[in-house]
Protein backbone atom coordinates (compact mmCIF):
# COMPACT_ATOMS: atom_id res chain seq x y z
CA GLY A 1 95.26 102.12 97.72
CA ARG A 2 96.11 105.40 99.31
CA PHE A 3 99.16 104.09 101.18
CA GLU A 4 100.61 102.66 97.97
CA LYS A 5 100.29 106.10 96.31
CA VAL A 6 102.23 107.69 99.19
CA VAL A 7 105.03 105.14 98.74
CA GLN A 8 105.08 105.71 94.97
CA GLU A 9 105.31 109.49 95.49
CA ALA A 10 108.20 109.05 97.94
CA PHE A 11 110.07 106.93 95.39
CA ARG A 12 109.36 109.48 92.63
CA GLU A 13 110.79 112.26 94.79
CA ALA A 14 113.91 110.12 95.28
CA GLY A 15 114.27 109.72 91.50
CA ASP A 16 112.68 106.31 91.00
CA ASP A 17 109.55 106.48 88.85
CA LYS A 18 107.89 103.20 89.71
CA PRO A 19 108.91 101.09 92.71
CA GLN A 20 108.38 97.37 92.84
CA ILE A 21 105.63 96.83 95.42
CA PHE A 22 104.77 93.48 96.98
CA TRP A 23 101.85 92.86 99.33
CA ASN A 24 101.59 89.97 101.79
CA GLY A 25 97.89 89.80 102.48
CA SER A 26 96.39 93.16 103.32
CA ASP A 27 98.68 94.43 106.07
CA THR A 28 102.32 94.04 104.99
CA MET A 29 103.96 95.69 102.02
CA ALA A 30 107.55 95.72 100.77
CA ALA A 31 108.76 98.29 98.24
CA PHE A 32 112.00 98.14 96.29
CA SER A 33 113.68 100.37 93.73
CA THR A 34 113.32 99.51 90.06
CA TYR A 35 117.12 99.53 89.93
CA VAL A 36 117.42 96.23 91.80
CA GLU A 37 116.36 92.73 90.87
CA VAL A 38 113.77 91.33 93.29
CA VAL A 39 112.63 87.74 93.47
CA LYS A 40 109.75 87.06 95.83
CA LEU A 41 110.37 83.76 97.58
CA ASP A 42 107.85 81.56 99.33
CA PRO A 43 107.01 83.02 102.73
CA LEU A 44 108.46 81.59 105.91
CA THR A 45 105.60 79.63 107.50
CA ASN A 46 105.05 76.75 109.92
CA MET A 47 107.54 78.09 112.43
CA ASP A 48 108.04 75.76 115.39
CA ARG A 49 105.90 76.78 118.41
CA VAL A 50 104.61 79.95 116.69
CA ASP A 51 100.93 80.51 115.80
CA ALA A 52 100.30 78.81 112.43
CA TRP A 53 98.78 81.96 110.90
CA ARG A 54 101.98 83.98 111.40
CA THR A 55 104.09 84.30 108.23
CA ILE A 56 107.10 86.29 107.08
CA SER A 57 107.69 87.44 103.49
CA ARG A 58 111.08 86.68 101.97
CA PHE A 59 112.85 88.26 99.00
CA LYS A 60 116.13 87.86 97.14
CA VAL A 61 117.43 91.31 96.22
CA GLY A 62 120.35 91.75 93.85
CA GLY A 63 121.44 93.65 90.81
CA ALA A 64 123.67 96.27 92.38
CA SER A 65 126.57 96.29 89.91
CA GLU A 66 129.26 96.27 92.58
CA HIS A 67 127.89 93.00 94.02
CA ASP A 68 126.64 91.06 90.97
CA PRO A 69 125.79 88.18 90.93
CA ASN A 70 125.40 88.24 94.70
CA TYR A 71 122.16 88.98 96.50
CA LEU A 72 120.78 89.89 99.89
CA LEU A 73 118.01 87.88 101.55
CA ILE A 74 115.34 90.24 102.94
CA TYR A 75 112.68 89.27 105.49
CA ASN A 76 109.65 91.56 105.80
CA THR A 77 106.82 91.18 108.29
CA HIS A 78 104.25 92.68 110.57
CA GLN A 79 103.43 90.53 113.60
CA PRO A 80 100.32 91.79 115.37
CA LYS A 81 100.33 91.83 119.13
CA SER A 82 97.12 92.68 120.99
CA GLY A 83 94.56 91.31 123.38
CA LYS A 84 93.02 89.34 120.51
CA ARG A 85 96.34 88.27 119.03
CA GLN A 86 98.63 87.22 121.83
CA PHE A 87 102.32 87.17 121.02
CA ASN A 88 104.07 86.19 124.21
CA SER A 89 107.82 86.28 124.76
CA LEU A 90 108.22 82.54 124.07
CA GLN A 91 106.53 82.88 120.66
CA GLN A 92 108.62 85.98 119.93
CA SER A 93 111.82 84.04 120.68
CA ASN A 94 110.65 81.12 118.56
CA LEU A 95 109.88 83.45 115.64
CA CYS A 96 113.35 85.02 115.90
CA ILE A 97 114.96 81.57 116.04
CA ALA A 98 112.98 80.49 112.96
CA VAL A 99 114.15 83.53 110.98
CA LEU A 100 117.79 83.06 111.94
CA ARG A 101 117.69 79.32 111.19
CA ASP A 102 116.09 80.00 107.82
CA ALA A 103 118.67 82.67 106.97
CA ARG A 104 121.54 80.39 107.98
CA GLN A 105 120.12 77.48 105.98
CA TYR A 106 119.42 79.61 102.92
CA ALA A 107 122.81 81.34 102.99
CA GLY A 108 124.61 78.07 103.64
CA GLY A 109 123.14 76.54 100.51
CA ASN A 110 124.23 79.35 98.19
CA GLY A 111 127.60 81.07 98.06
CA GLN A 112 126.09 84.10 96.30
CA ASN A 113 124.15 85.16 99.40
CA ILE A 114 125.97 88.07 101.05
CA GLY A 115 123.75 88.36 104.12
CA PHE A 116 120.24 89.10 105.23
CA GLY A 117 118.14 91.99 106.45
CA PHE A 118 114.89 92.38 108.28
CA GLY A 119 112.17 94.95 107.59
CA GLY A 120 108.79 95.69 109.01
CA ASP A 121 107.60 95.27 112.57
CA ALA A 122 108.16 91.85 114.07
CA ASN A 123 106.97 93.15 117.46
CA CYS A 124 110.12 91.66 118.95
CA THR A 125 112.46 93.65 121.15
CA GLU A 126 116.21 93.20 121.32
CA LEU A 127 115.83 90.53 124.02
CA PRO A 128 114.27 87.73 121.88
CA TRP A 129 116.66 88.48 119.01
CA THR A 130 119.65 88.28 121.36
CA ALA A 131 118.34 85.06 122.91
CA ALA A 132 117.82 83.60 119.43
CA PHE A 133 121.39 84.46 118.36
CA ARG A 134 122.77 82.92 121.54
CA SER A 135 120.71 79.75 121.24
CA LEU A 136 121.88 79.15 117.68
CA VAL A 137 125.54 79.82 118.45
CA HIS A 138 125.52 77.17 121.17
CA ARG A 139 123.95 74.45 119.00
């Protein structure tokens, strides 16, 4: 739609004619340059003590010549938080823990993974991320 055209125009202005665009449902989009290799992975779902409908898109991004054959694991999400869609601090912490566990497990199983990044709006402040890091370090 209209938003996708804005993203395409921004990429064109940056010298990339046609970005790779991935939608997760109707509210989350990830866009990548045509100059990188993108593999869309299965989304992260069924996170412990997090609403079952909440999901996070995952991508393997590689192809930068200085890092071949390595790749970066990218998480992209939008986690609504409103009166209708409660997202309390415990669920936020559990979501952060699930992402970090998944990243650690994924990276641990493949020596070509050089790290991970997070895009979008998880609706989580620094506090649940810090708590998640601490909880995983002490386990």
